[in-house]
Amino acid sequence: MPIQVDDMHVTDKDRELLAILSENARMPTATIARRLGLSRTTVRARIERLEREGVIAGYGVRLSENYEKGLVRAHVLITIAPRALSRVTPELAAIREIRMLHSVSGSFDLIAVVAAASISELDLLIDRIGEIEGVEKTLSSIILSTRIDR
């Protein structure tokens, strides 16, 4: 069933293509075409359309499991002062150890997903986040393992 959001039109086959590209964006077009049962030309045209429509915003690096296992990852829940979001967000964005930042509902305003080289570096990172003007409170949970990663 096709999904349409604004100018983006994504079909079931497009979603299959996106799943394959999520696994390995460097997979040869011919291999993708075989897996999808489409021609290489059709696959290339679909990828170009998805890029043009903004469904595919870019390509990135997926780090190896061995490298990721060496990092200490955590969720840092952050409460900010009223009307401080526009001041706090750029400061958080400047911290390279913050992998993702989500606005959330509930008793906290933001959740940062962070990665540090060690527990002591994670401790310093959490202190650094807490020292930002407008941050009122943090609560951290170290990620022990990832059960599902899609």
Protein backbone atom coordinates (compact mmCIF):
# COMPACT_ATOMS: atom_id res chain seq x y z
CA MET A 1 0.00 0.00 0.00
CA PRO A 2 1.54 3.36 -0.99
CA ILE A 3 2.24 5.97 1.67
CA GLN A 4 2.12 9.63 0.67
CA VAL A 5 3.45 12.43 2.87
CA ASP A 6 3.70 15.88 1.25
CA ASP A 7 5.58 15.26 -2.02
CA MET A 8 6.90 11.85 -0.94
CA HIS A 9 5.28 8.78 -2.46
CA VAL A 10 6.62 5.52 -1.02
CA THR A 11 5.40 2.14 -2.25
CA ASP A 12 5.83 -1.30 -0.68
CA LYS A 13 8.70 -1.98 -3.12
CA ASP A 14 10.30 1.33 -2.12
CA ARG A 15 10.12 0.26 1.55
CA GLU A 16 11.82 -3.03 0.63
CA LEU A 17 14.50 -1.03 -1.18
CA LEU A 18 14.95 1.27 1.82
CA ALA A 19 15.32 -1.74 4.13
CA ILE A 20 18.05 -3.18 1.88
CA LEU A 21 19.85 0.17 1.72
CA SER A 22 19.61 0.42 5.52
CA GLU A 23 21.45 -2.90 5.78
CA ASN A 24 24.17 -1.83 3.35
CA ALA A 25 23.96 1.42 1.39
CA ARG A 26 27.01 0.38 -0.66
CA MET A 27 25.39 -2.81 -1.98
CA PRO A 28 25.74 -3.00 -5.77
CA THR A 29 22.63 -2.02 -7.72
CA ALA A 30 22.65 -5.39 -9.50
CA THR A 31 22.47 -7.24 -6.16
CA ILE A 32 19.64 -5.01 -4.95
CA ALA A 33 17.79 -5.53 -8.23
CA ARG A 34 18.05 -9.33 -7.89
CA ARG A 35 16.76 -9.21 -4.30
CA LEU A 36 13.82 -7.03 -5.32
CA GLY A 37 13.06 -8.83 -8.59
CA LEU A 38 13.50 -5.57 -10.54
CA SER A 39 15.86 -4.39 -13.25
CA ARG A 40 18.99 -2.41 -12.35
CA THR A 41 17.62 0.57 -14.27
CA THR A 42 14.40 0.51 -12.26
CA VAL A 43 16.28 0.26 -8.96
CA ARG A 44 18.57 3.16 -9.93
CA ALA A 45 15.52 5.25 -10.95
CA ARG A 46 13.75 4.46 -7.65
CA ILE A 47 16.83 5.44 -5.62
CA GLU A 48 17.17 8.70 -7.56
CA ARG A 49 13.46 9.48 -7.06
CA LEU A 50 13.66 8.72 -3.33
CA GLU A 51 16.70 11.01 -3.05
CA ARG A 52 15.02 13.76 -5.07
CA GLU A 53 11.83 13.57 -2.98
CA GLY A 54 13.85 13.72 0.24
CA VAL A 55 12.91 10.25 1.47
CA ILE A 56 16.61 9.38 1.34
CA ALA A 57 18.29 12.36 2.99
CA GLY A 58 21.83 11.01 2.81
CA TYR A 59 24.14 8.12 3.48
CA GLY A 60 26.34 7.55 6.51
CA VAL A 61 28.83 5.31 8.21
CA ARG A 62 27.72 2.35 10.29
CA LEU A 63 30.37 1.57 12.90
CA SER A 64 31.44 -2.01 13.51
CA GLU A 65 30.05 -3.99 16.42
CA ASN A 66 33.54 -4.35 17.86
CA TYR A 67 34.06 -0.58 17.89
CA GLU A 68 30.59 0.05 19.33
CA LYS A 69 31.11 -2.60 22.05
CA GLY A 70 34.07 -0.59 23.30
CA LEU A 71 31.90 2.48 23.95
CA VAL A 72 29.81 3.15 27.03
CA ARG A 73 26.37 4.26 25.85
CA ALA A 74 23.65 5.82 27.93
CA HIS A 75 20.30 7.56 27.82
CA VAL A 76 20.41 10.92 29.57
CA LEU A 77 16.98 12.28 30.48
CA ILE A 78 17.07 16.06 30.73
CA THR A 79 14.69 18.53 32.36
CA ILE A 80 15.11 22.10 31.17
CA ALA A 81 13.89 25.43 32.48
CA PRO A 82 10.78 26.95 30.86
CA ARG A 83 11.55 28.62 27.53
CA ALA A 84 15.18 27.36 27.60
CA LEU A 85 14.89 24.85 24.73
CA SER A 86 16.17 27.25 22.06
CA ARG A 87 19.19 28.07 24.23
CA VAL A 88 19.96 24.52 25.39
CA THR A 89 19.58 22.65 22.07
CA PRO A 90 22.53 24.31 20.24
CA GLU A 91 24.80 23.70 23.21
CA LEU A 92 23.81 20.03 23.28
CA ALA A 93 24.27 19.81 19.50
CA ALA A 94 27.87 21.00 19.93
CA ILE A 95 28.71 17.98 22.12
CA ARG A 96 29.94 15.32 19.69
CA GLU A 97 29.32 12.45 22.13
CA ILE A 98 25.58 13.09 21.88
CA ARG A 99 24.41 10.75 19.12
CA MET A 100 20.69 11.65 19.20
CA LEU A 101 18.51 14.14 21.00
CA HIS A 102 14.76 13.58 21.31
CA SER A 103 12.04 15.91 22.60
CA VAL A 104 9.68 13.82 24.71
CA SER A 105 6.51 14.09 26.72
CA GLY A 106 6.40 13.33 30.42
CA SER A 107 8.41 14.50 33.38
CA PHE A 108 11.56 15.07 31.28
CA ASP A 109 11.85 17.35 28.26
CA LEU A 110 14.66 15.70 26.31
CA ILE A 111 16.40 12.35 26.01
CA ALA A 112 19.98 12.33 24.76
CA VAL A 113 21.57 9.12 23.53
CA VAL A 114 25.27 9.44 24.28
CA ALA A 115 28.42 7.38 23.73
CA ALA A 116 31.73 7.78 25.58
CA ALA A 117 35.01 5.89 25.57
CA SER A 118 34.85 5.01 29.28
CA ILE A 119 32.75 5.32 32.43
CA SER A 120 34.89 8.23 33.61
CA GLU A 121 34.38 10.05 30.29
CA LEU A 122 30.64 9.34 30.52
CA ASP A 123 30.64 10.82 34.03
CA LEU A 124 32.34 14.00 32.75
CA LEU A 125 29.92 14.15 29.81
CA ILE A 126 26.88 13.95 32.09
CA ASP A 127 28.38 16.67 34.30
CA ARG A 128 28.96 18.82 31.20
CA ILE A 129 25.33 18.40 30.15
CA GLY A 130 24.15 19.28 33.67
CA GLU A 131 26.26 22.46 33.69
CA ILE A 132 24.54 23.93 30.62
CA GLU A 133 22.55 27.01 31.55
CA GLY A 134 18.88 26.08 31.39
CA VAL A 135 19.39 22.41 32.28
CA GLU A 136 17.68 21.82 35.61
CA LYS A 137 18.08 18.07 36.11
CA THR A 138 19.45 14.94 34.45
CA LEU A 139 18.85 11.25 35.02
CA SER A 140 21.09 8.71 33.31
CA SER A 141 20.78 5.03 32.44
CA ILE A 142 23.72 3.13 31.01
CA ILE A 143 22.78 0.86 28.11
CA LEU A 144 23.90 -2.67 28.95
CA SER A 145 23.01 -4.29 25.64
CA THR A 146 20.88 -3.75 22.55
CA ARG A 147 18.28 -6.44 21.98
CA ILE A 148 16.83 -5.12 18.69
CA ASP A 149 18.42 -2.64 16.28
CA ARG A 150 16.56 -2.02 13.02
